[in-house]
Amino acid sequence: MSASETKPEPDNSGGSGSGKKIFLLYPHSVIREEMLDYLIMNGFETYTLFDHKRALKILGHFPGSIMFINIDEGMSEKEWENYIKAIQDDSKTCETRLGILSYNQDKNLMEKYLMKLSIPCGYIHLKLGMQESAKIIHNALHVNEAKGRRKYIRACCEDDVNATLNYKSEEGIFQGKILDISSAGTAARIPSFPHMPPNTLLRGVQLKLKGALVMVDAVLMGKRSDDKNVYIMVFDPSKVTTANKQVIHHFIKQNLQKYIDQLKV
C-alpha cells in the first residue's frame, strides 16, 4: 500500500484495476442510511447524487461508472425513460451501467426497464427489504466488476485538518497528519518519527477522525519513497473492532461524498 494509491479519484477509464464509481441517484432514505454504509464497508466506492442534470455531467466525467436510479422520485415515469435513453445514446455516457431502485412492483414496468431499455444492473424491488435488496445490488456490482482488483476503499484526507494520528513510545509522543486511510491501514506524515525497522509492531496508535477516536495496533511497513516523513502502516486486523471499522468507514464515506460534491464538472 502506498499513499499515491489512496486518492478517492481513481482512473477515469473505469478499468478493472481501479474499480468503478457507483452513484445512487435520489436514493430513498433507507438506502442513504443503511445501504451506503453496507456498500462502502464491502469495498464499493459509492456516492449519492440529488440532481439528475448534474448526474449526467458526473457520468460523462467518469465513463464506465455504475448508477442506480430511484425512479420513485425526481421525475415522472416517462421522463425517467427519456432520461435513461439519453444516457444510453450519448457518446459521453453510453458506457454507464444502470440499475433501477423502486418500491413499484408493476411487472410491466419492470419488463420495460429490463427488456426494452436493457438495464444491465437490474430492477431492485425495495419492498423485498434491506437485506435482500443489498444482496441483489451486491451481486449486480460483482457481475459488473465494480470493485476491480481493489480490496479496500481508501479516502484521501491530506487537506482535512481533522484527520490526525498520535503514537506514544519510550522516546515520547509523536503526532502526525493522516494523508489517507482505509480499514486496512493508513499513510501519515510524522515529522521526527524515531527510526524503526519495517514490520515493527506499534501498539496503541490513536487515530482522530473528525473528533472520533480509534485505537489500533499497526505494523510499520516503511517510509514512502518520495517523502521520508510519510510512514505507511497496516492495521492489525485482530485488534480492529467492528466499532472501529464502522468509525473508519463513516469517515471514508464523508470524505468520498465531499470529494464528489465539490467536483467541478
Protein backbone atom coordinates (compact mmCIF):
# COMPACT_ATOMS: atom_id res chain seq x y z
CA MET A 1 0.00 0.00 0.00
CA SER A 2 1.32 3.42 -0.86
CA ALA A 3 -0.09 6.88 -0.30
CA SER A 4 -0.08 7.55 -4.03
CA GLU A 5 -2.74 4.83 -4.45
CA THR A 6 -5.18 6.19 -1.94
CA LYS A 7 -6.80 9.22 -3.51
CA PRO A 8 -10.56 8.83 -3.96
CA GLU A 9 -10.43 9.82 -7.62
CA PRO A 10 -9.44 6.57 -9.38
CA ASP A 11 -8.58 6.28 -13.04
CA ASN A 12 -11.38 7.86 -15.09
CA SER A 13 -11.42 4.99 -17.54
CA GLY A 14 -13.36 2.82 -15.11
CA GLY A 15 -10.91 -0.01 -15.77
CA SER A 16 -10.94 -3.23 -13.80
CA GLY A 17 -7.80 -2.33 -11.90
CA SER A 18 -9.14 0.76 -10.20
CA GLY A 19 -12.73 -0.35 -9.89
CA LYS A 20 -15.77 1.68 -10.85
CA LYS A 21 -17.52 4.58 -9.21
CA ILE A 22 -21.05 3.77 -8.09
CA PHE A 23 -23.68 6.50 -7.90
CA LEU A 24 -27.09 6.39 -6.21
CA LEU A 25 -29.37 8.99 -7.78
CA TYR A 26 -32.14 10.29 -5.49
CA PRO A 27 -31.70 7.34 -3.09
CA HIS A 28 -34.50 6.53 -0.66
CA SER A 29 -33.79 7.26 2.98
CA VAL A 30 -33.20 3.58 3.79
CA ILE A 31 -30.57 3.49 1.04
CA ARG A 32 -28.83 6.59 2.35
CA GLU A 33 -28.80 5.40 5.93
CA GLU A 34 -28.04 1.70 5.57
CA MET A 35 -27.22 0.63 2.03
CA LEU A 36 -24.49 3.22 1.52
CA ASP A 37 -22.67 2.07 4.66
CA TYR A 38 -23.06 -1.55 3.60
CA LEU A 39 -21.63 -0.92 0.13
CA ILE A 40 -18.65 1.09 1.36
CA MET A 41 -17.86 -1.45 4.08
CA ASN A 42 -17.84 -4.11 1.36
CA GLY A 43 -15.32 -2.21 -0.76
CA PHE A 44 -17.58 -0.45 -3.27
CA GLU A 45 -16.77 3.21 -3.97
CA THR A 46 -20.24 4.67 -3.62
CA TYR A 47 -21.65 8.20 -3.78
CA THR A 48 -25.09 9.81 -3.62
CA LEU A 49 -26.43 12.36 -6.11
CA PHE A 50 -29.53 14.54 -5.81
CA ASP A 51 -29.51 16.40 -9.13
CA HIS A 52 -30.23 14.40 -12.29
CA LYS A 53 -28.84 17.14 -14.54
CA ARG A 54 -25.54 17.25 -12.66
CA ALA A 55 -25.53 13.46 -12.65
CA LEU A 56 -25.21 13.48 -16.45
CA LYS A 57 -22.09 15.62 -16.18
CA ILE A 58 -20.67 13.37 -13.47
CA LEU A 59 -21.23 10.28 -15.63
CA GLY A 60 -19.52 12.00 -18.55
CA HIS A 61 -16.56 12.77 -16.31
CA PHE A 62 -16.30 9.14 -15.15
CA PRO A 63 -17.13 6.90 -18.13
CA GLY A 64 -17.84 3.30 -17.28
CA SER A 65 -19.41 4.15 -13.92
CA ILE A 66 -22.47 2.44 -12.44
CA MET A 67 -25.59 4.35 -11.40
CA PHE A 68 -28.69 3.10 -9.61
CA ILE A 69 -31.68 5.40 -10.15
CA ASN A 70 -34.60 5.80 -7.78
CA ILE A 71 -37.42 6.22 -10.28
CA ASP A 72 -39.93 6.90 -7.48
CA GLU A 73 -38.69 10.47 -7.10
CA GLY A 74 -37.43 13.42 -9.11
CA MET A 75 -39.32 12.95 -12.39
CA SER A 76 -42.32 11.24 -13.93
CA GLU A 77 -42.11 7.70 -15.30
CA LYS A 78 -41.95 8.92 -18.92
CA GLU A 79 -39.29 11.49 -18.03
CA TRP A 80 -37.16 8.79 -16.41
CA GLU A 81 -37.49 6.63 -19.52
CA ASN A 82 -36.31 9.51 -21.71
CA TYR A 83 -33.52 10.30 -19.24
CA ILE A 84 -32.21 6.74 -19.40
CA LYS A 85 -32.40 6.67 -23.19
CA ALA A 86 -30.42 9.92 -23.27
CA ILE A 87 -27.68 8.34 -21.13
CA GLN A 88 -27.58 5.29 -23.39
CA ASP A 89 -27.47 7.35 -26.61
CA ASP A 90 -24.87 9.96 -25.59
CA SER A 91 -21.29 9.02 -26.50
CA LYS A 92 -20.06 10.59 -23.25
CA THR A 93 -22.29 8.45 -21.01
CA CYS A 94 -23.20 5.37 -23.06
CA GLU A 95 -20.68 3.21 -21.17
CA THR A 96 -22.58 3.80 -17.91
CA ARG A 97 -24.18 0.69 -16.44
CA LEU A 98 -27.57 1.49 -14.99
CA GLY A 99 -29.80 -0.12 -12.39
CA ILE A 100 -33.26 0.77 -11.05
CA LEU A 101 -34.38 1.20 -7.43
CA SER A 102 -38.11 1.31 -6.76
CA TYR A 103 -40.93 0.27 -4.46
CA ASN A 104 -43.12 -0.19 -7.55
CA GLN A 105 -43.73 -3.89 -8.20
CA ASP A 106 -45.55 -3.50 -11.50
CA LYS A 107 -44.36 -6.33 -13.76
CA ASN A 108 -44.90 -4.33 -16.96
CA LEU A 109 -42.74 -1.52 -15.60
CA MET A 110 -40.05 -3.98 -14.61
CA GLU A 111 -40.16 -5.63 -18.04
CA LYS A 112 -39.82 -2.27 -19.75
CA TYR A 113 -36.59 -1.44 -17.95
CA LEU A 114 -35.09 -4.92 -18.15
CA MET A 115 -36.15 -5.89 -21.68
CA LYS A 116 -36.92 -2.72 -23.64
CA LEU A 117 -34.24 -0.50 -22.11
CA SER A 118 -31.81 -3.35 -21.38
CA ILE A 119 -30.82 -2.14 -17.93
CA PRO A 120 -27.73 -4.26 -17.05
CA CYS A 121 -27.71 -3.82 -13.25
CA GLY A 122 -31.25 -4.95 -12.62
CA TYR A 123 -34.52 -3.67 -11.21
CA ILE A 124 -34.34 -3.85 -7.41
CA HIS A 125 -37.68 -4.11 -5.59
CA LEU A 126 -37.04 -2.30 -2.32
CA LYS A 127 -40.12 -3.92 -0.78
CA LEU A 128 -38.04 -7.08 -0.53
CA GLY A 129 -36.33 -5.48 2.46
CA MET A 130 -32.90 -4.08 3.19
CA GLN A 131 -31.00 -7.37 3.42
CA GLU A 132 -32.43 -8.88 0.24
CA SER A 133 -32.03 -5.61 -1.70
CA ALA A 134 -28.43 -5.30 -0.52
CA LYS A 135 -27.73 -8.87 -1.65
CA ILE A 136 -29.17 -8.18 -5.12
CA ILE A 137 -27.21 -4.94 -5.52
CA HIS A 138 -24.05 -6.65 -4.25
CA ASN A 139 -24.45 -9.41 -6.84
CA ALA A 140 -25.11 -6.89 -9.63
CA LEU A 141 -21.98 -4.95 -8.69
CA HIS A 142 -19.95 -8.15 -8.56
CA VAL A 143 -21.13 -9.21 -12.03
CA ASN A 144 -20.25 -5.77 -13.38
CA GLU A 145 -16.76 -5.92 -11.81
CA ALA A 146 -17.39 -2.78 -9.77
CA LYS A 147 -14.52 -3.41 -7.34
CA GLY A 148 -11.91 -4.31 -9.91
CA ARG A 149 -8.83 -5.62 -8.12
CA ARG A 150 -9.33 -3.18 -5.26
CA LYS A 151 -9.86 -4.79 -1.84
CA TYR A 152 -10.47 -1.70 0.29
CA ILE A 153 -11.89 1.78 -0.16
CA ARG A 154 -9.34 4.43 0.69
CA ALA A 155 -10.04 8.10 1.24
CA CYS A 156 -7.55 10.89 0.73
CA CYS A 157 -7.70 13.30 3.67
CA GLU A 158 -4.50 15.26 3.24
CA ASP A 159 -6.43 18.54 3.30
CA ASP A 160 -8.60 17.55 6.25
CA VAL A 161 -7.25 19.12 9.45
CA ASN A 162 -9.49 16.79 11.46
CA ALA A 163 -7.62 13.62 10.50
CA THR A 164 -4.60 13.13 12.76
CA LEU A 165 -2.58 10.38 14.43
CA ASN A 166 -0.81 10.06 17.79
CA TYR A 167 1.70 7.44 18.89
CA LYS A 168 3.37 7.20 22.28
CA SER A 169 6.69 5.37 22.59
CA GLU A 170 9.54 5.34 25.08
CA GLU A 171 11.01 8.26 23.18
CA GLY A 172 7.97 10.47 23.56
CA ILE A 173 4.63 11.30 21.95
CA PHE A 174 4.61 11.73 18.18
CA GLN A 175 1.84 13.43 16.27
CA GLY A 176 1.13 13.01 12.58
CA LYS A 177 -1.19 14.13 9.81
CA ILE A 178 -3.17 11.33 8.20
CA LEU A 179 -2.90 11.55 4.41
CA ASP A 180 -5.12 8.63 3.52
CA ILE A 181 -6.88 5.81 5.29
CA SER A 182 -8.76 2.56 4.71
CA SER A 183 -9.98 -0.08 7.11
CA ALA A 184 -6.70 -1.91 6.38
CA GLY A 185 -4.18 0.83 7.04
CA THR A 186 -3.07 4.41 6.72
CA ALA A 187 -0.34 6.71 5.48
CA ALA A 188 0.64 9.60 7.76
CA ARG A 189 3.20 12.39 7.72
CA ILE A 190 5.02 12.24 11.08
CA PRO A 191 7.95 14.67 11.46
CA SER A 192 10.86 13.49 13.65
CA PHE A 193 9.47 9.99 14.00
CA PRO A 194 12.05 7.66 15.63
CA HIS A 195 13.87 5.18 13.41
CA MET A 196 12.20 1.76 13.37
CA PRO A 197 12.78 -1.15 11.03
CA PRO A 198 9.99 -2.37 8.73
CA ASN A 199 7.47 -4.76 10.31
CA THR A 200 7.79 -3.11 13.73
CA LEU A 201 4.55 -3.50 15.71
CA LEU A 202 3.22 -0.20 17.01
CA ARG A 203 0.83 -0.74 19.90
CA GLY A 204 -1.82 1.81 20.80
CA VAL A 205 -1.81 4.05 17.74
CA GLN A 206 -4.55 6.64 18.20
CA LEU A 207 -6.47 7.88 15.15
CA LYS A 208 -8.56 11.01 15.43
CA LEU A 209 -11.12 11.24 12.63
CA LYS A 210 -13.34 14.32 12.83
CA GLY A 211 -13.46 14.06 16.60
CA ALA A 212 -13.98 10.30 16.73
CA LEU A 213 -11.14 8.37 18.38
CA VAL A 214 -9.98 4.95 17.18
CA MET A 215 -7.24 2.97 18.95
CA VAL A 216 -5.43 0.36 16.85
CA ASP A 217 -2.25 -1.69 16.74
CA ALA A 218 -0.38 -1.25 13.49
CA VAL A 219 2.59 -2.72 11.68
CA LEU A 220 5.03 -0.14 10.35
CA MET A 221 5.71 -1.06 6.72
CA GLY A 222 8.20 1.70 5.99
CA LYS A 223 8.50 5.17 4.53
CA ARG A 224 7.07 6.48 1.30
CA SER A 225 9.81 6.76 -1.32
CA ASP A 226 9.02 10.34 -2.35
CA ASP A 227 8.63 11.72 1.20
CA LYS A 228 10.75 10.36 4.05
CA ASN A 229 8.36 11.84 6.63
CA VAL A 230 5.42 9.78 5.38
CA TYR A 231 5.03 6.40 7.05
CA ILE A 232 2.88 3.51 5.84
CA MET A 233 1.09 1.47 8.49
CA VAL A 234 -1.09 -1.63 8.20
CA PHE A 235 -3.59 -2.22 10.99
CA ASP A 236 -3.52 -5.48 12.92
CA PRO A 237 -6.91 -6.94 11.83
CA SER A 238 -7.25 -8.92 15.05
CA LYS A 239 -7.17 -5.66 17.01
CA VAL A 240 -9.55 -3.62 14.83
CA THR A 241 -13.02 -3.98 16.33
CA THR A 242 -16.25 -3.82 14.37
CA ALA A 243 -16.99 -0.48 16.04
CA ASN A 244 -13.59 0.87 14.95
CA LYS A 245 -14.22 -0.27 11.37
CA GLN A 246 -17.57 1.50 11.40
CA VAL A 247 -15.93 4.75 12.53
CA ILE A 248 -13.29 4.47 9.81
CA HIS A 249 -15.83 3.66 7.11
CA HIS A 250 -18.08 6.51 8.21
CA PHE A 251 -15.12 8.87 7.90
CA ILE A 252 -14.29 7.45 4.46
CA LYS A 253 -17.91 7.89 3.36
CA GLN A 254 -17.88 11.55 4.42
CA ASN A 255 -14.64 12.25 2.56
CA LEU A 256 -15.72 10.48 -0.61
CA GLN A 257 -19.01 12.37 -0.67
CA LYS A 258 -17.24 15.67 -0.02
CA TYR A 259 -14.99 14.97 -3.00
CA ILE A 260 -17.88 14.35 -5.40
CA ASP A 261 -19.93 17.27 -4.04
CA GLN A 262 -17.06 19.68 -4.63
CA LEU A 263 -16.11 18.30 -8.05
CA LYS A 264 -16.45 20.91 -10.78
CA VAL A 265 -17.95 19.38 -13.90
